[in-house]
Amino acid sequence: MSAFIASFLFVVLAEMGDKTQLLAMAFACRYPAAQVLLGVFLATVLNHFLAVLVGLFLSVVLPFKLISFLAALSFIGFGLWTLRGDKLEGEEKRTSKYGPIVAVIIAFFLAEMGDKTQLATISLAIQYQNIFYVLMGTTLGMVVADAFGIIVGVVMRKHIPEKTVKWISALIFILFGLAGIYKVIF
C-alpha cells in the first residue's frame, strides 16, 4: 500500500504546473470537463503502464544500489525541473476527427512521453517493484492533479501563486532525492 500512496503523492506533486496540467486546462476550455478527464485517465493508464514496465525491466538488468542512487538523483532532478516549469507547445490546438476524448488521449499520451511524471513513474516502479500499486497510484495522481488544474486552476489561480506551488513541490522532490542518496550511501 505504501507504493500506492507514494506513487499518488509523487505524481500529484510532479504534475503541479506541468505542461499536461496546462493541457488539461486548455482542453477544458474547449470540451466538457468529464470528457477531458476521461481522456487524461485513458492516456495516463497506457503511458504509465509502459513506464512501469520499463522501470521493472531496468531493475532486473541493473544492480539495485545503482538503481536506487539513480532514482534518488532523478527525484532531485524532478525538483529542479519543477522549478523551471513547463509551457504548452501547441498540443492543446490539436484536433481529432474522432472527437474530444480521442484528441485528449493522443495529445496527453504524446505530451507525457519523456515528461517528469512518466520518468517519476519509472523511478517508482524501480523502487517499489509493484506494477499494480504504482500504476494505480500514478494514474490516480495524474487524474487528481489534472482535475485540480481544471477546477481550481481556473477559479483560484489569482489566489494561489503558481510560484508557491512550484517551490513547495520542488522542495519535496529534492528532499526525497537527498533522503534516497543518504539511504544508499549510509
C-alpha atoms as a PDB file:
ATOM      1  CA  MET A   1       0.000   0.000   0.000  1.00  0.00           C
ATOM      2  CA  SER A   2       2.926   2.372   0.578  1.00  0.00           C
ATOM      3  CA  ALA A   3       3.753   2.029  -3.147  1.00  0.00           C
ATOM      4  CA  PHE A   4       0.276   3.323  -3.981  1.00  0.00           C
ATOM      5  CA  ILE A   5       0.427   6.267  -1.562  1.00  0.00           C
ATOM      6  CA  ALA A   6       3.953   7.288  -2.576  1.00  0.00           C
ATOM      7  CA  SER A   7       3.108   6.966  -6.277  1.00  0.00           C
ATOM      8  CA  PHE A   8      -0.043   9.016  -5.854  1.00  0.00           C
ATOM      9  CA  LEU A   9       1.671  11.799  -3.892  1.00  0.00           C
ATOM     10  CA  PHE A  10       4.731  11.993  -6.136  1.00  0.00           C
ATOM     11  CA  VAL A  11       2.694  12.288  -9.320  1.00  0.00           C
ATOM     12  CA  VAL A  12       0.313  14.850  -7.837  1.00  0.00           C
ATOM     13  CA  LEU A  13       3.343  16.950  -6.882  1.00  0.00           C
ATOM     14  CA  ALA A  14       5.115  16.370 -10.194  1.00  0.00           C
ATOM     15  CA  GLU A  15       2.019  17.346 -12.155  1.00  0.00           C
ATOM     16  CA  MET A  16       1.579  20.731 -10.430  1.00  0.00           C
ATOM     17  CA  GLY A  17       2.413  23.320 -13.069  1.00  0.00           C
ATOM     18  CA  ASP A  18       3.377  20.608 -15.560  1.00  0.00           C
ATOM     19  CA  LYS A  19       2.572  21.014 -19.250  1.00  0.00           C
ATOM     20  CA  THR A  20      -0.006  18.230 -19.116  1.00  0.00           C
ATOM     21  CA  GLN A  21      -1.833  20.039 -16.323  1.00  0.00           C
ATOM     22  CA  LEU A  22      -1.776  23.160 -18.500  1.00  0.00           C
ATOM     23  CA  LEU A  23      -3.004  20.994 -21.369  1.00  0.00           C
ATOM     24  CA  ALA A  24      -5.942  19.822 -19.226  1.00  0.00           C
ATOM     25  CA  MET A  25      -6.861  23.446 -18.542  1.00  0.00           C
ATOM     26  CA  ALA A  26      -6.685  24.288 -22.242  1.00  0.00           C
ATOM     27  CA  PHE A  27      -8.808  21.295 -23.283  1.00  0.00           C
ATOM     28  CA  ALA A  28     -11.357  22.088 -20.554  1.00  0.00           C
ATOM     29  CA  CYS A  29     -11.914  25.443 -22.241  1.00  0.00           C
ATOM     30  CA  ARG A  30     -12.911  23.611 -25.448  1.00  0.00           C
ATOM     31  CA  TYR A  31     -14.513  20.354 -24.288  1.00  0.00           C
ATOM     32  CA  PRO A  32     -16.633  19.139 -21.358  1.00  0.00           C
ATOM     33  CA  ALA A  33     -14.524  18.513 -18.252  1.00  0.00           C
ATOM     34  CA  ALA A  34     -15.740  14.898 -17.922  1.00  0.00           C
ATOM     35  CA  GLN A  35     -14.526  14.089 -21.435  1.00  0.00           C
ATOM     36  CA  VAL A  36     -11.190  15.750 -20.763  1.00  0.00           C
ATOM     37  CA  LEU A  37     -10.714  13.758 -17.548  1.00  0.00           C
ATOM     38  CA  LEU A  38     -11.671  10.505 -19.281  1.00  0.00           C
ATOM     39  CA  GLY A  39      -9.088  11.209 -21.984  1.00  0.00           C
ATOM     40  CA  VAL A  40      -6.478  12.054 -19.338  1.00  0.00           C
ATOM     41  CA  PHE A  41      -7.256   8.816 -17.494  1.00  0.00           C
ATOM     42  CA  LEU A  42      -7.022   6.580 -20.565  1.00  0.00           C
ATOM     43  CA  ALA A  43      -3.823   8.197 -21.847  1.00  0.00           C
ATOM     44  CA  THR A  44      -2.248   8.017 -18.397  1.00  0.00           C
ATOM     45  CA  VAL A  45      -3.055   4.333 -17.915  1.00  0.00           C
ATOM     46  CA  LEU A  46      -1.379   3.453 -21.202  1.00  0.00           C
ATOM     47  CA  ASN A  47       1.599   5.776 -20.770  1.00  0.00           C
ATOM     48  CA  HIS A  48       2.291   4.886 -17.151  1.00  0.00           C
ATOM     49  CA  PHE A  49       1.818   1.164 -17.800  1.00  0.00           C
ATOM     50  CA  LEU A  50       4.658   1.402 -20.313  1.00  0.00           C
ATOM     51  CA  ALA A  51       6.709   3.387 -17.789  1.00  0.00           C
ATOM     52  CA  VAL A  52       6.168   0.783 -15.060  1.00  0.00           C
ATOM     53  CA  LEU A  53       7.290  -1.970 -17.433  1.00  0.00           C
ATOM     54  CA  VAL A  54      10.449  -0.005 -18.289  1.00  0.00           C
ATOM     55  CA  GLY A  55      11.145   0.506 -14.577  1.00  0.00           C
ATOM     56  CA  LEU A  56      10.721  -3.173 -13.799  1.00  0.00           C
ATOM     57  CA  PHE A  57      12.969  -4.128 -16.729  1.00  0.00           C
ATOM     58  CA  LEU A  58      15.701  -1.755 -15.556  1.00  0.00           C
ATOM     59  CA  SER A  59      15.511  -3.203 -12.048  1.00  0.00           C
ATOM     60  CA  VAL A  60      16.300  -6.652 -13.472  1.00  0.00           C
ATOM     61  CA  VAL A  61      19.306  -5.619 -15.570  1.00  0.00           C
ATOM     62  CA  LEU A  62      20.985  -3.088 -13.253  1.00  0.00           C
ATOM     63  CA  PRO A  63      22.304  -3.507  -9.671  1.00  0.00           C
ATOM     64  CA  PHE A  64      19.809  -2.397  -7.022  1.00  0.00           C
ATOM     65  CA  LYS A  65      22.196   0.049  -5.323  1.00  0.00           C
ATOM     66  CA  LEU A  66      22.924   1.791  -8.650  1.00  0.00           C
ATOM     67  CA  ILE A  67      19.225   1.988  -9.476  1.00  0.00           C
ATOM     68  CA  SER A  68      18.415   3.377  -6.018  1.00  0.00           C
ATOM     69  CA  PHE A  69      21.108   6.020  -6.379  1.00  0.00           C
ATOM     70  CA  LEU A  70      19.942   6.985  -9.891  1.00  0.00           C
ATOM     71  CA  ALA A  71      16.315   7.104  -8.723  1.00  0.00           C
ATOM     72  CA  ALA A  72      17.295   9.434  -5.855  1.00  0.00           C
ATOM     73  CA  LEU A  73      19.184  11.671  -8.276  1.00  0.00           C
ATOM     74  CA  SER A  74      16.168  11.667 -10.583  1.00  0.00           C
ATOM     75  CA  PHE A  75      13.935  12.962  -7.765  1.00  0.00           C
ATOM     76  CA  ILE A  76      16.335  15.864  -7.243  1.00  0.00           C
ATOM     77  CA  GLY A  77      16.167  16.419 -10.995  1.00  0.00           C
ATOM     78  CA  PHE A  78      12.354  16.414 -10.856  1.00  0.00           C
ATOM     79  CA  GLY A  79      12.508  19.061  -8.146  1.00  0.00           C
ATOM     80  CA  LEU A  80      14.738  21.262 -10.254  1.00  0.00           C
ATOM     81  CA  TRP A  81      12.568  20.594 -13.327  1.00  0.00           C
ATOM     82  CA  THR A  82       9.519  21.665 -11.327  1.00  0.00           C
ATOM     83  CA  LEU A  83      11.191  24.992 -10.567  1.00  0.00           C
ATOM     84  CA  ARG A  84      11.928  25.502 -14.254  1.00  0.00           C
ATOM     85  CA  GLY A  85       8.286  24.966 -15.183  1.00  0.00           C
ATOM     86  CA  ASP A  86       6.661  23.892 -18.430  1.00  0.00           C
ATOM     87  CA  LYS A  87       4.882  25.615 -21.276  1.00  0.00           C
ATOM     88  CA  LEU A  88       2.419  24.317 -23.840  1.00  0.00           C
ATOM     89  CA  GLU A  89       3.796  23.905 -27.345  1.00  0.00           C
ATOM     90  CA  GLY A  90       0.612  23.634 -29.407  1.00  0.00           C
ATOM     91  CA  GLU A  91      -0.716  20.319 -28.087  1.00  0.00           C
ATOM     92  CA  GLU A  92      -3.933  21.996 -26.949  1.00  0.00           C
ATOM     93  CA  LYS A  93      -4.712  23.057 -30.534  1.00  0.00           C
ATOM     94  CA  ARG A  94      -4.672  19.547 -31.965  1.00  0.00           C
ATOM     95  CA  THR A  95      -7.986  18.307 -33.212  1.00  0.00           C
ATOM     96  CA  SER A  96      -9.289  14.849 -33.920  1.00  0.00           C
ATOM     97  CA  LYS A  97     -11.958  13.693 -36.294  1.00  0.00           C
ATOM     98  CA  TYR A  98     -12.781  11.049 -33.669  1.00  0.00           C
ATOM     99  CA  GLY A  99     -13.977  13.516 -31.024  1.00  0.00           C
ATOM    100  CA  PRO A 100     -12.674  15.239 -27.914  1.00  0.00           C
ATOM    101  CA  ILE A 101     -11.812  12.118 -25.908  1.00  0.00           C
ATOM    102  CA  VAL A 102      -9.536  10.744 -28.634  1.00  0.00           C
ATOM    103  CA  ALA A 103      -7.991  14.203 -29.128  1.00  0.00           C
ATOM    104  CA  VAL A 104      -7.189  14.398 -25.407  1.00  0.00           C
ATOM    105  CA  ILE A 105      -5.836  10.824 -25.342  1.00  0.00           C
ATOM    106  CA  ILE A 106      -3.484  11.461 -28.266  1.00  0.00           C
ATOM    107  CA  ALA A 107      -2.299  14.847 -27.004  1.00  0.00           C
ATOM    108  CA  PHE A 108      -1.767  13.613 -23.429  1.00  0.00           C
ATOM    109  CA  PHE A 109      -0.029  10.419 -24.461  1.00  0.00           C
ATOM    110  CA  LEU A 110       2.418  12.345 -26.633  1.00  0.00           C
ATOM    111  CA  ALA A 111       2.895  15.129 -24.066  1.00  0.00           C
ATOM    112  CA  GLU A 112       3.704  12.553 -21.364  1.00  0.00           C
ATOM    113  CA  MET A 113       6.471  10.885 -23.374  1.00  0.00           C
ATOM    114  CA  GLY A 114       9.679  11.730 -21.506  1.00  0.00           C
ATOM    115  CA  ASP A 115       7.795  14.033 -19.127  1.00  0.00           C
ATOM    116  CA  LYS A 116       8.743  14.189 -15.456  1.00  0.00           C
ATOM    117  CA  THR A 117       5.625  12.273 -14.370  1.00  0.00           C
ATOM    118  CA  GLN A 118       6.499   9.437 -16.749  1.00  0.00           C
ATOM    119  CA  LEU A 119      10.083   9.430 -15.507  1.00  0.00           C
ATOM    120  CA  ALA A 120       8.851   9.541 -11.907  1.00  0.00           C
ATOM    121  CA  THR A 121       6.652   6.520 -12.669  1.00  0.00           C
ATOM    122  CA  ILE A 122       9.695   4.629 -13.954  1.00  0.00           C
ATOM    123  CA  SER A 123      11.612   5.522 -10.781  1.00  0.00           C
ATOM    124  CA  LEU A 124       8.708   4.494  -8.547  1.00  0.00           C
ATOM    125  CA  ALA A 125       8.366   1.167 -10.356  1.00  0.00           C
ATOM    126  CA  ILE A 126      12.057   0.531  -9.775  1.00  0.00           C
ATOM    127  CA  GLN A 127      11.814   1.454  -6.112  1.00  0.00           C
ATOM    128  CA  TYR A 128       8.613  -0.423  -5.234  1.00  0.00           C
ATOM    129  CA  GLN A 129       8.625  -3.333  -7.717  1.00  0.00           C
ATOM    130  CA  ASN A 130       4.822  -3.383  -7.778  1.00  0.00           C
ATOM    131  CA  ILE A 131       3.092  -2.908 -11.131  1.00  0.00           C
ATOM    132  CA  PHE A 132      -0.442  -2.642  -9.781  1.00  0.00           C
ATOM    133  CA  TYR A 133       0.043  -0.162  -6.931  1.00  0.00           C
ATOM    134  CA  VAL A 134       2.492   2.061  -8.795  1.00  0.00           C
ATOM    135  CA  LEU A 135       0.270   2.166 -11.893  1.00  0.00           C
ATOM    136  CA  MET A 136      -2.881   2.857  -9.854  1.00  0.00           C
ATOM    137  CA  GLY A 137      -1.153   5.466  -7.694  1.00  0.00           C
ATOM    138  CA  THR A 138       0.427   7.349 -10.583  1.00  0.00           C
ATOM    139  CA  THR A 139      -2.743   7.210 -12.674  1.00  0.00           C
ATOM    140  CA  LEU A 140      -4.960   8.443  -9.853  1.00  0.00           C
ATOM    141  CA  GLY A 141      -2.364  11.094  -9.007  1.00  0.00           C
ATOM    142  CA  MET A 142      -2.408  12.339 -12.605  1.00  0.00           C
ATOM    143  CA  VAL A 143      -6.209  12.447 -12.758  1.00  0.00           C
ATOM    144  CA  VAL A 144      -6.493  14.225  -9.403  1.00  0.00           C
ATOM    145  CA  ALA A 145      -3.808  16.772 -10.283  1.00  0.00           C
ATOM    146  CA  ASP A 146      -5.345  17.478 -13.677  1.00  0.00           C
ATOM    147  CA  ALA A 147      -8.828  17.730 -12.181  1.00  0.00           C
ATOM    148  CA  PHE A 148      -7.335  20.141  -9.667  1.00  0.00           C
ATOM    149  CA  GLY A 149      -5.792  22.032 -12.567  1.00  0.00           C
ATOM    150  CA  ILE A 150      -9.087  22.220 -14.416  1.00  0.00           C
ATOM    151  CA  ILE A 151     -11.278  23.186 -11.484  1.00  0.00           C
ATOM    152  CA  VAL A 152      -9.119  25.077  -9.022  1.00  0.00           C
ATOM    153  CA  GLY A 153      -6.594  26.400 -11.515  1.00  0.00           C
ATOM    154  CA  VAL A 154      -9.226  28.267 -13.473  1.00  0.00           C
ATOM    155  CA  VAL A 155     -11.168  29.540 -10.456  1.00  0.00           C
ATOM    156  CA  MET A 156      -8.412  30.119  -7.920  1.00  0.00           C
ATOM    157  CA  ARG A 157      -5.322  30.975  -9.964  1.00  0.00           C
ATOM    158  CA  LYS A 158      -5.485  34.549  -8.702  1.00  0.00           C
ATOM    159  CA  HIS A 159      -5.378  33.373  -5.073  1.00  0.00           C
ATOM    160  CA  ILE A 160      -2.672  30.684  -5.187  1.00  0.00           C
ATOM    161  CA  PRO A 161       0.587  31.921  -6.690  1.00  0.00           C
ATOM    162  CA  GLU A 162       1.978  29.403  -9.183  1.00  0.00           C
ATOM    163  CA  LYS A 163       5.452  30.146  -7.885  1.00  0.00           C
ATOM    164  CA  THR A 164       4.485  28.973  -4.374  1.00  0.00           C
ATOM    165  CA  VAL A 165       3.105  25.663  -5.678  1.00  0.00           C
ATOM    166  CA  LYS A 166       6.253  25.113  -7.762  1.00  0.00           C
ATOM    167  CA  TRP A 167       8.618  25.802  -4.858  1.00  0.00           C
ATOM    168  CA  ILE A 168       6.789  23.509  -2.434  1.00  0.00           C
ATOM    169  CA  SER A 169       6.616  20.680  -4.981  1.00  0.00           C
ATOM    170  CA  ALA A 170      10.277  21.135  -5.918  1.00  0.00           C
ATOM    171  CA  LEU A 171      11.401  21.148  -2.295  1.00  0.00           C
ATOM    172  CA  ILE A 172       9.568  17.889  -1.556  1.00  0.00           C
ATOM    173  CA  PHE A 173      11.150  16.185  -4.580  1.00  0.00           C
ATOM    174  CA  ILE A 174      14.633  17.393  -3.646  1.00  0.00           C
ATOM    175  CA  LEU A 175      14.219  16.274  -0.023  1.00  0.00           C
ATOM    176  CA  PHE A 176      13.108  12.795  -1.117  1.00  0.00           C
ATOM    177  CA  GLY A 177      16.069  12.645  -3.501  1.00  0.00           C
ATOM    178  CA  LEU A 178      18.529  13.633  -0.782  1.00  0.00           C
ATOM    179  CA  ALA A 179      16.973  11.099   1.602  1.00  0.00           C
ATOM    180  CA  GLY A 180      17.357   8.419  -1.074  1.00  0.00           C
ATOM    181  CA  ILE A 181      21.025   9.271  -1.626  1.00  0.00           C
ATOM    182  CA  TYR A 182      21.615   9.201   2.131  1.00  0.00           C
ATOM    183  CA  LYS A 183      19.961   5.770   2.307  1.00  0.00           C
ATOM    184  CA  VAL A 184      22.196   4.386  -0.468  1.00  0.00           C
ATOM    185  CA  ILE A 185      25.431   5.832   0.898  1.00  0.00           C
ATOM    186  CA  PHE A 186      24.863   5.102   4.588  1.00  0.00           C
END
